[in-house]
Amino acid sequence: MLSKIIDASPEWIFVKDRQHRFRMVNRSYAQTFGRQPEDFVGKDNLELGWPEELVKGNPTKGIRGVWTDDQEVMDSDQPGSISQEWVQIGDERRLFATTKVPLHDASGAVWGLVGFARDVNEQQQLENMQGARLRALDCLNDIGRKTEENPPIPEFLDWVTGRVPTAMQHPDLCKATIELEGKVYGTDEAVGMATQMVASLRAGGQTTGKVYISYS
């Protein structure tokens, strides 16, 4: 009955020993990878084809690695919750929220862990979209408030080119430039960058300038 309940769960459920070898996975876990549950038993993540950086970690990319989290739970003998853990599924990397709990033998020693994982990739994308919309609205509101101050045009355009990048997803990589009637406001780096968005400024049906938002 317990096995049927575990296999009925849409979330991943798995058990590993201290050598990171799978001792059990539920049907949902196995089916995601196009395998049978018994295919996992006795193998670790590397033997099952996981990318090494997702297994052992890659600090330069901010990836802790599943084995790092596994080891921390077993060594500390404390449950651990990982809100964002990358998993390679075919050609795609997806985010999972994972909870890992140490398992004990009859003497009380930790011999492994049980994990529960839920796919949060779509939820994360939705949160990113909502965050982007909020940043854009904040930027528009700030621009609206600035126009009410009626600043000189050059001062206002310089201010806008500094404010717009902070509303973008990667502000440290973003540059903004405004060309108006032959004059350039903000940094002119954005004009020559390979990755850019360009919008025309128009007045009275005539193009008077351009706005460049670019990434390095």
C-alpha atoms as a PDB file:
ATOM      1  CA  MET A   1       0.000   0.000   0.000  1.00  0.00           C
ATOM      2  CA  LEU A   2       2.825   2.395   0.890  1.00  0.00           C
ATOM      3  CA  SER A   3       4.459   1.685  -2.472  1.00  0.00           C
ATOM      4  CA  LYS A   4       1.187   2.442  -4.283  1.00  0.00           C
ATOM      5  CA  ILE A   5       0.814   5.739  -2.423  1.00  0.00           C
ATOM      6  CA  ILE A   6       4.392   6.773  -3.261  1.00  0.00           C
ATOM      7  CA  ASP A   7       3.945   5.874  -6.917  1.00  0.00           C
ATOM      8  CA  ALA A   8       0.643   7.772  -7.077  1.00  0.00           C
ATOM      9  CA  SER A   9       2.334  11.030  -6.053  1.00  0.00           C
ATOM     10  CA  PRO A  10       2.932  13.476  -8.959  1.00  0.00           C
ATOM     11  CA  GLU A  11       5.923  14.851  -7.040  1.00  0.00           C
ATOM     12  CA  TRP A  12       9.277  13.137  -7.178  1.00  0.00           C
ATOM     13  CA  ILE A  13      10.144  10.903  -4.235  1.00  0.00           C
ATOM     14  CA  PHE A  14      13.566   9.287  -3.992  1.00  0.00           C
ATOM     15  CA  VAL A  15      15.915   7.660  -1.499  1.00  0.00           C
ATOM     16  CA  LYS A  16      19.724   7.826  -1.634  1.00  0.00           C
ATOM     17  CA  ASP A  17      22.482   6.290   0.478  1.00  0.00           C
ATOM     18  CA  ARG A  18      25.637   8.058   1.708  1.00  0.00           C
ATOM     19  CA  GLN A  19      27.429   7.271  -1.564  1.00  0.00           C
ATOM     20  CA  HIS A  20      24.692   9.200  -3.429  1.00  0.00           C
ATOM     21  CA  ARG A  21      23.372   5.995  -4.965  1.00  0.00           C
ATOM     22  CA  PHE A  22      19.647   5.757  -5.503  1.00  0.00           C
ATOM     23  CA  ARG A  23      17.972   3.094  -3.398  1.00  0.00           C
ATOM     24  CA  MET A  24      14.472   3.917  -4.604  1.00  0.00           C
ATOM     25  CA  VAL A  25      12.603   6.374  -6.835  1.00  0.00           C
ATOM     26  CA  ASN A  26       8.868   6.640  -7.388  1.00  0.00           C
ATOM     27  CA  ARG A  27       7.184   6.169 -10.754  1.00  0.00           C
ATOM     28  CA  SER A  28       6.785   9.913 -11.400  1.00  0.00           C
ATOM     29  CA  TYR A  29      10.552  10.426 -11.029  1.00  0.00           C
ATOM     30  CA  ALA A  30      11.398   7.531 -13.325  1.00  0.00           C
ATOM     31  CA  GLN A  31       8.828   8.408 -16.000  1.00  0.00           C
ATOM     32  CA  THR A  32      10.174  11.965 -16.270  1.00  0.00           C
ATOM     33  CA  PHE A  33      13.453  10.498 -17.512  1.00  0.00           C
ATOM     34  CA  GLY A  34      11.784   7.827 -19.668  1.00  0.00           C
ATOM     35  CA  ARG A  35      12.984   4.992 -17.406  1.00  0.00           C
ATOM     36  CA  GLN A  36      11.641   2.412 -15.004  1.00  0.00           C
ATOM     37  CA  PRO A  37      12.117   2.863 -11.224  1.00  0.00           C
ATOM     38  CA  GLU A  38      14.401  -0.160 -11.036  1.00  0.00           C
ATOM     39  CA  ASP A  39      16.773   1.456 -13.569  1.00  0.00           C
ATOM     40  CA  PHE A  40      17.907   3.899 -10.863  1.00  0.00           C
ATOM     41  CA  VAL A  41      18.673   1.455  -8.074  1.00  0.00           C
ATOM     42  CA  GLY A  42      22.379   1.267  -7.207  1.00  0.00           C
ATOM     43  CA  LYS A  43      23.394   4.147  -9.512  1.00  0.00           C
ATOM     44  CA  ASP A  44      24.333   7.731  -8.733  1.00  0.00           C
ATOM     45  CA  ASN A  45      23.440  10.876 -10.695  1.00  0.00           C
ATOM     46  CA  LEU A  46      26.615  10.815 -12.796  1.00  0.00           C
ATOM     47  CA  GLU A  47      26.087   7.194 -13.788  1.00  0.00           C
ATOM     48  CA  LEU A  48      22.583   8.148 -14.872  1.00  0.00           C
ATOM     49  CA  GLY A  49      23.924  10.822 -17.223  1.00  0.00           C
ATOM     50  CA  TRP A  50      23.475  14.029 -15.227  1.00  0.00           C
ATOM     51  CA  PRO A  51      25.836  16.907 -16.185  1.00  0.00           C
ATOM     52  CA  GLU A  52      28.761  17.040 -13.770  1.00  0.00           C
ATOM     53  CA  GLU A  53      28.239  20.716 -12.910  1.00  0.00           C
ATOM     54  CA  LEU A  54      24.678  20.032 -11.743  1.00  0.00           C
ATOM     55  CA  VAL A  55      25.876  17.079  -9.668  1.00  0.00           C
ATOM     56  CA  LYS A  56      29.118  18.416  -8.145  1.00  0.00           C
ATOM     57  CA  GLY A  57      28.408  22.127  -8.514  1.00  0.00           C
ATOM     58  CA  ASN A  58      29.895  25.048 -10.402  1.00  0.00           C
ATOM     59  CA  PRO A  59      30.572  28.075  -8.149  1.00  0.00           C
ATOM     60  CA  THR A  60      31.281  30.395 -11.091  1.00  0.00           C
ATOM     61  CA  LYS A  61      27.700  29.829 -12.302  1.00  0.00           C
ATOM     62  CA  GLY A  62      26.179  29.843  -8.828  1.00  0.00           C
ATOM     63  CA  ILE A  63      25.345  26.113  -8.977  1.00  0.00           C
ATOM     64  CA  ARG A  64      25.746  24.336  -5.616  1.00  0.00           C
ATOM     65  CA  GLY A  65      25.284  20.836  -6.984  1.00  0.00           C
ATOM     66  CA  VAL A  66      22.850  18.172  -5.771  1.00  0.00           C
ATOM     67  CA  TRP A  67      25.613  16.213  -4.030  1.00  0.00           C
ATOM     68  CA  THR A  68      26.573  19.285  -2.003  1.00  0.00           C
ATOM     69  CA  ASP A  69      23.010  19.567  -0.736  1.00  0.00           C
ATOM     70  CA  ASP A  70      22.783  15.799  -0.145  1.00  0.00           C
ATOM     71  CA  GLN A  71      26.000  15.790   1.875  1.00  0.00           C
ATOM     72  CA  GLU A  72      24.972  18.788   3.940  1.00  0.00           C
ATOM     73  CA  VAL A  73      21.726  17.078   4.984  1.00  0.00           C
ATOM     74  CA  MET A  74      23.445  13.790   5.862  1.00  0.00           C
ATOM     75  CA  ASP A  75      26.409  15.375   7.672  1.00  0.00           C
ATOM     76  CA  SER A  76      24.270  17.785   9.703  1.00  0.00           C
ATOM     77  CA  ASP A  77      21.525  15.217  10.344  1.00  0.00           C
ATOM     78  CA  GLN A  78      19.052  18.007   9.664  1.00  0.00           C
ATOM     79  CA  PRO A  79      16.340  18.360   6.982  1.00  0.00           C
ATOM     80  CA  GLY A  80      17.134  20.760   4.171  1.00  0.00           C
ATOM     81  CA  SER A  81      14.929  22.726   1.783  1.00  0.00           C
ATOM     82  CA  ILE A  82      16.304  23.872  -1.558  1.00  0.00           C
ATOM     83  CA  SER A  83      13.979  26.370  -3.224  1.00  0.00           C
ATOM     84  CA  GLN A  84      15.794  26.249  -6.575  1.00  0.00           C
ATOM     85  CA  GLU A  85      17.640  23.123  -7.676  1.00  0.00           C
ATOM     86  CA  TRP A  86      18.542  22.644 -11.351  1.00  0.00           C
ATOM     87  CA  VAL A  87      17.743  19.309 -12.986  1.00  0.00           C
ATOM     88  CA  GLN A  88      18.651  18.221 -16.519  1.00  0.00           C
ATOM     89  CA  ILE A  89      15.718  16.542 -18.287  1.00  0.00           C
ATOM     90  CA  GLY A  90      16.662  15.656 -21.834  1.00  0.00           C
ATOM     91  CA  ASP A  91      17.908  18.851 -23.495  1.00  0.00           C
ATOM     92  CA  GLU A  92      16.202  21.103 -20.953  1.00  0.00           C
ATOM     93  CA  ARG A  93      17.209  22.325 -17.512  1.00  0.00           C
ATOM     94  CA  ARG A  94      14.328  22.844 -15.109  1.00  0.00           C
ATOM     95  CA  LEU A  95      14.027  24.235 -11.606  1.00  0.00           C
ATOM     96  CA  PHE A  96      12.781  22.087  -8.739  1.00  0.00           C
ATOM     97  CA  ALA A  97      11.939  22.899  -5.135  1.00  0.00           C
ATOM     98  CA  THR A  98      13.374  20.028  -3.114  1.00  0.00           C
ATOM     99  CA  THR A  99      13.116  18.917   0.507  1.00  0.00           C
ATOM    100  CA  LYS A 100      15.621  16.353   1.800  1.00  0.00           C
ATOM    101  CA  VAL A 101      15.357  14.529   5.123  1.00  0.00           C
ATOM    102  CA  PRO A 102      18.054  12.286   6.699  1.00  0.00           C
ATOM    103  CA  LEU A 103      17.287   8.582   7.193  1.00  0.00           C
ATOM    104  CA  HIS A 104      18.623   6.596  10.173  1.00  0.00           C
ATOM    105  CA  ASP A 105      19.474   2.944  10.752  1.00  0.00           C
ATOM    106  CA  ALA A 106      18.597   0.962  13.890  1.00  0.00           C
ATOM    107  CA  SER A 107      21.551   2.462  15.795  1.00  0.00           C
ATOM    108  CA  GLY A 108      20.504   6.019  14.945  1.00  0.00           C
ATOM    109  CA  ALA A 109      23.291   6.647  12.442  1.00  0.00           C
ATOM    110  CA  VAL A 110      22.461   8.485   9.220  1.00  0.00           C
ATOM    111  CA  TRP A 111      22.671   6.066   6.284  1.00  0.00           C
ATOM    112  CA  GLY A 112      21.018   8.191   3.593  1.00  0.00           C
ATOM    113  CA  LEU A 113      18.163  10.546   2.841  1.00  0.00           C
ATOM    114  CA  VAL A 114      14.701  10.740   1.362  1.00  0.00           C
ATOM    115  CA  GLY A 115      13.897  13.557  -1.026  1.00  0.00           C
ATOM    116  CA  PHE A 116      10.686  15.190  -2.218  1.00  0.00           C
ATOM    117  CA  ALA A 117      10.917  17.413  -5.310  1.00  0.00           C
ATOM    118  CA  ARG A 118       8.373  19.581  -7.140  1.00  0.00           C
ATOM    119  CA  ASP A 119       8.786  21.226 -10.557  1.00  0.00           C
ATOM    120  CA  VAL A 120       8.647  25.027 -10.087  1.00  0.00           C
ATOM    121  CA  ASN A 121       9.937  26.034 -13.511  1.00  0.00           C
ATOM    122  CA  GLU A 122       6.650  27.559 -14.706  1.00  0.00           C
ATOM    123  CA  GLN A 123       6.087  29.194 -11.327  1.00  0.00           C
ATOM    124  CA  GLN A 124       9.553  30.759 -11.491  1.00  0.00           C
ATOM    125  CA  GLN A 125       8.922  32.035 -15.023  1.00  0.00           C
ATOM    126  CA  LEU A 126       5.635  33.580 -13.862  1.00  0.00           C
ATOM    127  CA  GLU A 127       7.369  35.261 -10.917  1.00  0.00           C
ATOM    128  CA  ASN A 128      10.051  36.607 -13.265  1.00  0.00           C
ATOM    129  CA  MET A 129       7.364  38.014 -15.591  1.00  0.00           C
ATOM    130  CA  GLN A 130       5.535  39.634 -12.698  1.00  0.00           C
ATOM    131  CA  GLY A 131       8.790  41.108 -11.420  1.00  0.00           C
ATOM    132  CA  ALA A 132       9.579  42.506 -14.871  1.00  0.00           C
ATOM    133  CA  ARG A 133       6.137  44.114 -15.092  1.00  0.00           C
ATOM    134  CA  LEU A 134       6.529  45.702 -11.662  1.00  0.00           C
ATOM    135  CA  ARG A 135       9.947  47.106 -12.579  1.00  0.00           C
ATOM    136  CA  ALA A 136       8.526  48.516 -15.821  1.00  0.00           C
ATOM    137  CA  LEU A 137       5.557  50.131 -14.022  1.00  0.00           C
ATOM    138  CA  ASP A 138       7.844  51.642 -11.384  1.00  0.00           C
ATOM    139  CA  CYS A 139      10.025  53.070 -14.133  1.00  0.00           C
ATOM    140  CA  LEU A 140       7.039  54.583 -15.977  1.00  0.00           C
ATOM    141  CA  ASN A 141       5.712  56.075 -12.739  1.00  0.00           C
ATOM    142  CA  ASP A 142       9.109  57.619 -11.979  1.00  0.00           C
ATOM    143  CA  ILE A 143       9.308  59.095 -15.482  1.00  0.00           C
ATOM    144  CA  GLY A 144       5.812  60.507 -15.070  1.00  0.00           C
ATOM    145  CA  ARG A 145       6.737  62.134 -11.759  1.00  0.00           C
ATOM    146  CA  LYS A 146       9.925  63.542 -13.279  1.00  0.00           C
ATOM    147  CA  THR A 147       8.037  65.180 -16.149  1.00  0.00           C
ATOM    148  CA  GLU A 148       5.789  66.931 -13.616  1.00  0.00           C
ATOM    149  CA  GLU A 149       8.903  68.695 -12.296  1.00  0.00           C
ATOM    150  CA  ASN A 150       9.313  70.188 -15.777  1.00  0.00           C
ATOM    151  CA  PRO A 151      13.128  69.826 -15.871  1.00  0.00           C
ATOM    152  CA  PRO A 152      15.228  71.107 -18.798  1.00  0.00           C
ATOM    153  CA  ILE A 153      15.099  68.658 -21.730  1.00  0.00           C
ATOM    154  CA  PRO A 154      18.837  67.717 -21.648  1.00  0.00           C
ATOM    155  CA  GLU A 155      18.691  67.076 -17.904  1.00  0.00           C
ATOM    156  CA  PHE A 156      15.506  65.015 -18.273  1.00  0.00           C
ATOM    157  CA  LEU A 157      16.860  62.841 -21.105  1.00  0.00           C
ATOM    158  CA  ASP A 158      20.124  62.180 -19.257  1.00  0.00           C
ATOM    159  CA  TRP A 159      18.070  61.159 -16.223  1.00  0.00           C
ATOM    160  CA  VAL A 160      15.878  58.819 -18.313  1.00  0.00           C
ATOM    161  CA  THR A 161      18.910  57.023 -19.795  1.00  0.00           C
ATOM    162  CA  GLY A 162      20.120  56.328 -16.259  1.00  0.00           C
ATOM    163  CA  ARG A 163      16.712  55.218 -14.966  1.00  0.00           C
ATOM    164  CA  VAL A 164      15.705  52.827 -17.758  1.00  0.00           C
ATOM    165  CA  PRO A 165      18.492  50.199 -17.232  1.00  0.00           C
ATOM    166  CA  THR A 166      17.486  49.753 -13.578  1.00  0.00           C
ATOM    167  CA  ALA A 167      14.076  48.540 -14.775  1.00  0.00           C
ATOM    168  CA  MET A 168      15.567  45.839 -16.988  1.00  0.00           C
ATOM    169  CA  GLN A 169      16.202  42.209 -16.056  1.00  0.00           C
ATOM    170  CA  HIS A 170      19.998  42.546 -15.948  1.00  0.00           C
ATOM    171  CA  PRO A 171      20.605  46.213 -15.078  1.00  0.00           C
ATOM    172  CA  ASP A 172      24.366  45.779 -14.678  1.00  0.00           C
ATOM    173  CA  LEU A 173      24.633  44.713 -18.349  1.00  0.00           C
ATOM    174  CA  CYS A 174      22.144  47.219 -19.764  1.00  0.00           C
ATOM    175  CA  LYS A 175      22.933  50.592 -21.353  1.00  0.00           C
ATOM    176  CA  ALA A 176      20.506  53.229 -22.650  1.00  0.00           C
ATOM    177  CA  THR A 177      21.047  56.064 -25.112  1.00  0.00           C
ATOM    178  CA  ILE A 178      18.697  58.684 -26.520  1.00  0.00           C
ATOM    179  CA  GLU A 179      19.450  60.467 -29.799  1.00  0.00           C
ATOM    180  CA  LEU A 180      17.333  63.600 -30.282  1.00  0.00           C
ATOM    181  CA  GLU A 181      17.775  66.138 -33.056  1.00  0.00           C
ATOM    182  CA  GLY A 182      21.382  65.173 -33.573  1.00  0.00           C
ATOM    183  CA  LYS A 183      22.378  65.194 -29.907  1.00  0.00           C
ATOM    184  CA  VAL A 184      23.211  62.145 -27.791  1.00  0.00           C
ATOM    185  CA  TYR A 185      22.055  61.786 -24.187  1.00  0.00           C
ATOM    186  CA  GLY A 186      23.350  59.201 -21.751  1.00  0.00           C
ATOM    187  CA  THR A 187      26.148  56.842 -22.739  1.00  0.00           C
ATOM    188  CA  ASP A 188      26.688  56.381 -26.459  1.00  0.00           C
ATOM    189  CA  GLU A 189      27.824  52.766 -25.860  1.00  0.00           C
ATOM    190  CA  ALA A 190      24.309  51.468 -26.442  1.00  0.00           C
ATOM    191  CA  VAL A 191      24.310  52.617 -30.076  1.00  0.00           C
ATOM    192  CA  GLY A 192      27.077  50.217 -31.102  1.00  0.00           C
ATOM    193  CA  MET A 193      26.168  47.135 -29.055  1.00  0.00           C
ATOM    194  CA  ALA A 194      25.180  43.985 -30.907  1.00  0.00           C
ATOM    195  CA  THR A 195      22.156  43.148 -28.750  1.00  0.00           C
ATOM    196  CA  GLN A 196      19.787  46.091 -28.714  1.00  0.00           C
ATOM    197  CA  MET A 197      16.227  47.333 -28.912  1.00  0.00           C
ATOM    198  CA  VAL A 198      15.652  50.518 -30.909  1.00  0.00           C
ATOM    199  CA  ALA A 199      12.524  52.691 -30.914  1.00  0.00           C
ATOM    200  CA  SER A 200      11.926  55.854 -32.932  1.00  0.00           C
ATOM    201  CA  LEU A 201      10.906  59.166 -31.354  1.00  0.00           C
ATOM    202  CA  ARG A 202       8.333  61.042 -33.395  1.00  0.00           C
ATOM    203  CA  ALA A 203       6.825  64.523 -33.237  1.00  0.00           C
ATOM    204  CA  GLY A 204       4.319  65.947 -35.683  1.00  0.00           C
ATOM    205  CA  GLY A 205       4.568  62.840 -37.847  1.00  0.00           C
ATOM    206  CA  GLN A 206       8.335  63.228 -38.210  1.00  0.00           C
ATOM    207  CA  THR A 207      11.096  61.068 -36.743  1.00  0.00           C
ATOM    208  CA  THR A 208      13.129  63.276 -34.421  1.00  0.00           C
ATOM    209  CA  GLY A 209      15.355  60.705 -32.741  1.00  0.00           C
ATOM    210  CA  LYS A 210      15.824  57.206 -31.395  1.00  0.00           C
ATOM    211  CA  VAL A 211      15.971  55.353 -28.083  1.00  0.00           C
ATOM    212  CA  TYR A 212      18.536  52.548 -27.754  1.00  0.00           C
ATOM    213  CA  ILE A 213      18.364  49.944 -24.984  1.00  0.00           C
ATOM    214  CA  SER A 214      21.253  47.521 -25.347  1.00  0.00           C
ATOM    215  CA  TYR A 215      23.066  44.698 -23.571  1.00  0.00           C
ATOM    216  CA  SER A 216      26.779  44.053 -23.412  1.00  0.00           C
END
